[in-house]
Structure formats: structure tokens, C-alpha cells
Protein backbone atom coordinates (compact mmCIF):
# COMPACT_ATOMS: atom_id res chain seq x y z
CA MET A 1 147.29 108.08 174.36
CA GLY A 2 145.62 106.89 177.54
CA ARG A 3 142.58 109.05 176.79
CA TRP A 4 141.80 106.52 174.02
CA GLY A 5 142.04 103.58 176.41
CA GLU A 6 139.73 101.42 178.46
CA PRO A 7 138.68 100.94 181.19
CA PRO A 8 138.46 104.52 182.58
CA PRO A 9 139.12 103.56 186.24
CA LYS A 10 142.67 102.49 185.36
CA ALA A 11 145.59 104.92 185.23
CA LEU A 12 145.99 106.43 181.74
CA ARG A 13 149.23 104.58 181.02
CA GLU A 14 147.68 101.22 182.00
CA ARG A 15 144.53 101.35 179.86
CA THR A 16 144.07 99.11 176.82
CA ILE A 17 144.43 100.81 173.44
CA ALA A 18 144.48 99.62 169.81
CA VAL A 19 147.68 100.35 167.88
CA ARG A 20 148.58 100.00 164.22
CA MET A 21 152.27 100.15 163.30
CA LYS A 22 153.57 101.11 159.87
CA GLN A 23 156.83 99.15 160.11
CA PRO A 24 156.60 96.31 160.87
CA ALA A 25 152.99 96.35 159.68
CA LYS A 26 150.80 95.01 162.47
CA THR A 27 147.76 95.90 164.59
CA PHE A 28 147.41 94.87 168.21
CA LEU A 29 146.06 95.76 171.65
CA THR A 30 148.50 97.08 174.25
CA THR A 31 148.97 99.89 176.78
CA PRO A 32 150.37 103.41 176.30
CA GLU A 33 153.37 102.75 178.54
CA LYS A 34 154.50 99.93 176.21
CA VAL A 35 154.00 101.52 172.79
CA GLY A 36 154.87 105.20 173.12
CA LYS A 37 158.02 105.12 175.20
CA GLU A 38 161.27 106.25 173.54
CA ASN A 39 164.19 105.29 175.75
CA SER A 40 166.58 108.23 176.39
CA LEU A 41 164.77 110.44 173.89
CA TYR A 42 165.13 113.48 176.18
CA PRO A 43 167.68 114.37 178.87
CA ALA A 44 166.40 114.55 182.44
CA TRP A 45 166.14 118.35 182.52
CA LEU A 46 163.98 118.34 179.36
CA GLU A 47 161.70 115.63 180.77
CA LYS A 48 161.08 117.96 183.72
CA PHE A 49 160.29 120.80 181.29
CA TRP A 50 157.60 118.69 179.58
CA HIS A 51 156.17 117.66 182.97
CA VAL A 52 155.55 121.34 183.82
CA TYR A 53 152.40 121.32 181.69
CA GLU A 54 151.56 117.67 180.91
CA GLY A 55 149.41 116.92 183.97
CA ASP A 56 147.53 120.20 183.70
CA PHE A 57 146.99 119.60 179.97
CA ILE A 58 145.30 116.25 180.68
CA HIS A 59 142.93 117.93 183.13
CA ALA A 60 142.28 120.82 180.72
CA ALA A 61 141.49 118.40 177.88
CA GLY A 62 139.03 116.58 180.14
CA ASP A 63 137.35 119.87 181.05
CA LEU A 64 137.17 120.87 177.39
CA ASP A 65 135.64 117.48 176.56
CA ALA A 66 132.95 118.17 179.18
CA GLY A 67 132.37 121.69 177.86
CA ALA A 68 133.71 123.19 181.09
CA LEU A 69 137.16 124.59 180.25
CA GLN A 70 138.37 126.79 183.12
CA GLN A 71 139.54 130.33 182.39
CA GLY A 72 143.32 130.34 182.00
CA ASP A 73 143.58 126.66 181.13
CA GLU A 74 143.77 127.56 177.44
CA THR A 75 147.49 127.99 178.14
CA TYR A 76 147.94 124.25 178.64
CA LEU A 77 146.22 123.47 175.34
CA LEU A 78 148.47 126.00 173.61
CA LEU A 79 151.59 124.49 175.15
CA HIS A 80 150.51 121.02 174.05
CA VAL A 81 149.95 121.92 170.41
CA SER A 82 153.12 124.04 170.28
CA ALA A 83 155.28 121.21 171.63
CA LEU A 84 154.04 118.35 169.45
CA LYS A 85 156.44 118.81 166.54
CA PRO A 86 159.49 119.68 168.67
CA ARG A 87 158.91 116.61 170.85
CA LYS A 88 158.86 114.03 168.06
CA ALA A 89 161.69 111.54 167.64
CA SER A 90 162.65 112.74 164.14
CA PHE A 91 162.76 116.45 164.99
CA LEU A 92 166.51 116.67 164.27
CA ASP A 93 165.80 115.62 160.67
CA ASP A 94 163.23 118.42 160.34
CA LEU A 95 165.65 120.97 161.75
CA ASN A 96 168.46 119.97 159.46
CA GLU A 97 166.26 119.89 156.38
CA HIS A 98 165.48 123.56 157.09
CA GLN A 99 169.15 124.31 157.75
CA ALA A 100 170.27 122.64 154.51
CA ASN A 101 167.61 124.41 152.44
CA ASN A 102 168.88 127.74 153.77
CA ASN A 103 172.61 126.97 153.52
CA LEU A 104 173.00 127.02 157.30
CA PRO A 105 175.16 124.74 159.48
CA LEU A 106 173.53 121.51 160.59
CA PHE A 107 172.53 120.79 164.19
CA THR A 108 173.88 117.83 166.14
CA ASP A 109 172.42 115.56 168.81
CA THR A 110 174.08 117.81 171.38
CA ASP A 111 172.15 120.82 170.05
CA LEU A 112 168.84 118.98 169.89
CA PRO A 113 167.43 119.38 173.44
CA ILE A 114 167.73 123.17 173.53
CA GLU A 115 166.52 123.43 169.93
CA ARG A 116 163.37 121.56 170.94
CA VAL A 117 162.70 124.20 173.62
CA ARG A 118 163.48 127.08 171.24
CA ALA A 119 161.04 125.63 168.71
CA VAL A 120 158.26 125.53 171.33
CA LEU A 121 158.94 129.15 172.25
CA ARG A 122 158.89 130.17 168.57
CA THR A 123 155.60 128.37 167.97
CA LEU A 124 153.69 129.73 170.98
CA PRO A 125 153.21 133.33 169.74
CA TYR A 126 152.33 132.05 166.27
CA ALA A 127 149.69 129.65 167.66
CA GLU A 128 148.19 132.54 169.64
CA THR A 129 147.20 134.15 166.32
CA TRP A 130 145.11 131.14 165.23
CA ARG A 131 141.39 130.74 165.39
CA TRP A 132 140.34 127.67 167.38
CA ARG A 133 137.36 125.40 166.84
CA VAL A 134 136.42 122.41 168.99
CA LEU A 135 135.45 119.46 166.79
CA LEU A 136 133.28 116.57 167.91
CA PRO A 137 132.66 113.34 165.98
CA PRO A 138 129.06 112.29 165.34
CA ARG A 139 127.41 109.79 167.67
CA GLY A 140 128.97 106.35 167.36
CA GLU A 141 132.18 107.62 165.71
CA ARG A 142 135.59 108.31 167.24
CA PHE A 143 138.82 110.05 166.32
CA ILE A 144 142.14 108.24 166.25
CA VAL A 145 145.51 109.83 167.05
CA SER A 146 148.95 109.42 165.50
CA ASP A 147 152.39 109.44 167.08
CA ARG A 148 152.70 112.99 165.72
CA GLY A 149 149.50 114.05 167.49
CA LEU A 150 148.25 116.12 164.57
CA CYS A 151 147.47 116.29 160.87
CA GLU A 152 147.67 119.31 158.59
CA PHE A 153 144.92 120.11 156.13
CA GLY A 154 144.09 122.33 153.18
CA ASP A 155 140.52 122.47 151.94
CA ARG A 156 139.34 122.33 148.35
CA ASP A 157 136.11 123.83 147.08
CA LEU A 158 134.14 120.88 145.65
CA HIS A 159 132.19 123.12 143.25
CA THR A 160 135.07 125.11 141.69
CA GLY A 161 138.00 122.78 142.31
CA LYS A 162 140.00 125.70 143.74
CA ASP A 163 141.98 125.54 146.94
CA TRP A 164 140.51 127.32 149.94
CA PRO A 165 142.81 130.22 150.87
CA SER A 166 143.26 129.10 154.46
CA HIS A 167 144.92 126.07 155.99
CA GLY A 168 145.25 124.65 159.44
CA VAL A 169 146.04 121.78 161.76
CA PHE A 170 143.79 119.24 163.48
CA PHE A 171 144.80 118.05 166.95
CA PRO A 172 142.85 115.06 168.36
CA LEU A 173 142.70 115.36 172.15
CA GLY A 174 140.61 112.24 172.80
CA PRO A 175 138.36 109.80 170.94
CA THR A 176 135.43 112.25 171.10
CA LEU A 177 137.31 115.56 171.08
CA GLY A 178 139.68 117.49 168.85
CA VAL A 179 140.64 121.08 168.18
CA LEU A 180 141.19 122.74 164.84
CA GLY A 181 143.67 125.59 164.61
CA PHE A 182 143.67 127.78 161.51
CA LEU A 183 144.66 131.24 160.38
CA HIS A 184 142.14 134.03 160.80
CA GLU A 185 141.09 135.52 157.46
CA PRO A 186 139.15 138.77 158.18
CA ARG A 187 137.51 138.77 154.74
CA LEU A 188 136.32 135.18 155.02
CA HIS A 189 135.50 134.37 158.63
CA ARG A 190 132.14 135.27 160.05
CA ARG A 191 133.00 135.43 163.74
CA ARG A 192 135.04 138.22 165.29
CA PHE A 193 138.51 137.00 166.16
CA ARG A 194 139.29 136.42 169.83
CA PRO A 195 142.65 134.85 170.75
CA LEU A 196 142.61 131.57 172.69
CA ASP A 197 138.86 131.22 172.22
CA PHE A 198 137.79 127.57 172.42
CA SER A 199 134.08 128.30 172.82
CA GLU A 200 132.99 127.30 169.29
CA ARG A 201 131.96 123.61 169.24
CA LEU A 202 130.85 121.92 166.03
CA THR A 203 129.97 118.31 165.23
CA LEU A 204 131.49 116.82 162.10
CA ASN A 205 129.59 114.57 159.74
CA ARG A 206 130.72 110.95 159.36
CA ARG A 207 132.61 111.42 156.11
CA TYR A 208 134.78 114.27 157.34
CA THR A 209 135.48 112.33 160.53
CA ALA A 210 136.68 109.45 158.35
CA LEU A 211 138.77 111.86 156.24
CA LEU A 212 140.53 113.35 159.25
CA ASN A 213 141.25 109.85 160.60
CA LEU A 214 142.70 108.85 157.24
CA ARG A 215 144.92 111.92 157.19
CA LEU A 216 146.09 111.15 160.71
CA TRP A 217 147.17 107.69 159.51
CA GLU A 218 148.85 109.09 156.39
CA ASP A 219 150.72 111.75 158.41
CA ALA A 220 151.83 109.31 161.14
CA GLU A 221 155.54 108.57 161.36
CA ARG A 222 155.35 105.12 162.98
CA PHE A 223 151.91 104.33 164.39
CA VAL A 224 148.36 105.40 165.20
CA VAL A 225 146.33 104.76 168.35
CA ALA A 226 142.58 104.16 168.63
CA HIS A 227 139.95 103.12 171.12
CA PRO A 228 140.17 99.32 171.52
CA SER A 229 136.76 98.94 169.84
CA ASP A 230 138.22 100.62 166.73
CA ARG A 231 140.89 98.03 166.02
CA THR A 232 139.15 97.01 162.78
CA LEU A 233 138.83 100.65 161.75
CA ILE A 234 142.57 101.30 161.86
CA GLU A 235 143.36 97.93 160.27
CA ASN A 236 141.33 98.91 157.20
CA ILE A 237 141.75 102.69 157.20
CA ASP A 238 143.93 102.73 154.06
CA ASN A 239 142.00 100.14 152.02
CA GLY A 240 141.55 102.57 149.12
CA ALA A 241 137.83 103.12 149.62
CA GLU A 242 136.72 106.53 148.38
CA ILE A 243 135.34 108.97 150.96
CA PRO A 244 132.72 111.05 149.10
CA LEU A 245 132.45 114.40 150.87
CA ASP A 246 129.15 116.08 151.61
CA PRO A 247 128.70 119.13 149.30
CA ASP A 248 126.95 120.94 152.17
CA GLY A 249 130.20 120.95 154.11
CA PRO A 250 131.87 119.11 156.97
CA TYR A 251 129.55 120.07 159.82
CA ARG A 252 126.20 118.73 160.93
CA PHE A 253 123.38 121.24 161.32
CA ARG A 254 125.53 124.06 159.93
CA ARG A 255 126.14 124.93 156.30
CA PHE A 256 129.87 125.56 156.18
CA GLY A 257 131.66 124.68 152.97
CA PHE A 258 135.08 124.13 154.52
CA LEU A 259 136.71 122.91 157.72
CA GLY A 260 138.27 126.31 158.32
CA ASP A 261 135.67 128.80 157.06
């Protein structure tokens, strides 16, 4: 969350960020160390497991933002996106929904820490099969981020009304940087597939930037975080205003019809 904060000279956890809570409904300025902390959410050994990659991920995200990702640092990005769902506070509910739907025994709080790790390890090889695209907002616009750290999407063809046959996940990594992960469709995608390739960088148009921010708010469990200058944006993000999408597609200077084509 500190990557959304100001001023840059301060430590990430001490920077000022804008936050909008769902319950109780309020918007305010604060710091990451005050809003995101869940007391006793993880045991000490699991905290150490997360710390294995967290610092390197922050550096890798900064390098990616500057267009200078170092070879091998893709691993830290992959670990980050694979751990987001298992790290969330309500992960036990997700696990037990799956267990109940498949007539399997429910997990307990005692099971939860190791199940978080197992979920990360299950997700890593799956995420390695995704195509990756670096997304940038247009000048003067910024991404927000939710407590989940992601939003899932499925595109719809505006001309035919049919669903696009691929889907994916958007991960904001900073106010001016995000990555899009989506399944490779050999019949549909123009570029040859290369695993862990973050070299493709595309700038979104304003409307698709607004749409992704709205979806981040809708998919949030408890709150979203924004740059302090975007307090008004998150206060009004769900005001019901229609976001008319550009028929030429989501990207500036490139005629793609879909986020994941």
C-alpha cells in the first residue's frame, strides 16, 4: 500500500494514503501501518515465510515501473500474485466453501496456516502458464488497489454481445503500474507465448482505467487504497455513472478489442 503514498522520502509504511472503507462507510487519509494491519492474522513462522519475498517484490515492482526489471526478478512478481488470495483474512471461508461444495471435511483455524502455504504452492505452476501484460494508466490517471490486491475480469465483445473466450486477473502494483495475467489462447493471441515475460507494456485509455478501478472497488472485501490526491475519486467511484467503453478497445495507440487479446 505504501507505493500509493506520499511523500516518497518516507518509509513505505509511514506515507500518507487515501482509504475508503466499506463498513463502516468512510473515506479518510492515514498510513499503511494503521489501516492494513491484522493483529495475529498469521503465526510467527508464516510471517517469516511471507518476508522471504516481500522486500524483493517491492524492489522488483519498482524496477518494473521504471522499465528495468532484472532477469530472475520475475519470480518475486509471481510469488506476490500467487500469495494474494491465500493471504487474505477470509481465506478460511473460501477454503470451506470449496470443501462443502465437494462434500469434503471442513478446515479449522488450526489447519489454516499450512493451507495458506499449500495454496500458494498450487497457484505458482498455474500462474506460470499465464501470459503477462504490463498496464499503464494514461497521463494524469492512477490505479487504486483493494485489500484483495486484484480484480478478476471477463471481456465482452461490444459489437456482438458475446463473451470473449479468455479471462484473467488484474494486479495493481502501484498507482502508475499494474500487470494483467490471462490464459494463453494459441488461436487468438498474436504474440508467441513466453513464460514469465513482462516485456509487453501497453497504456490503457481513460475509460478502461476507470473500469478497472471500479472493479477493484466492487471486488474489495473491506477497503480500497489510493494516492492521497485521489480521495475524491474513491469517494465517488460507485456513484452509478456509466462508463462508456471505447469501441476501438482498451489500449491507446493500439487497436485491440479486448483487455486480454
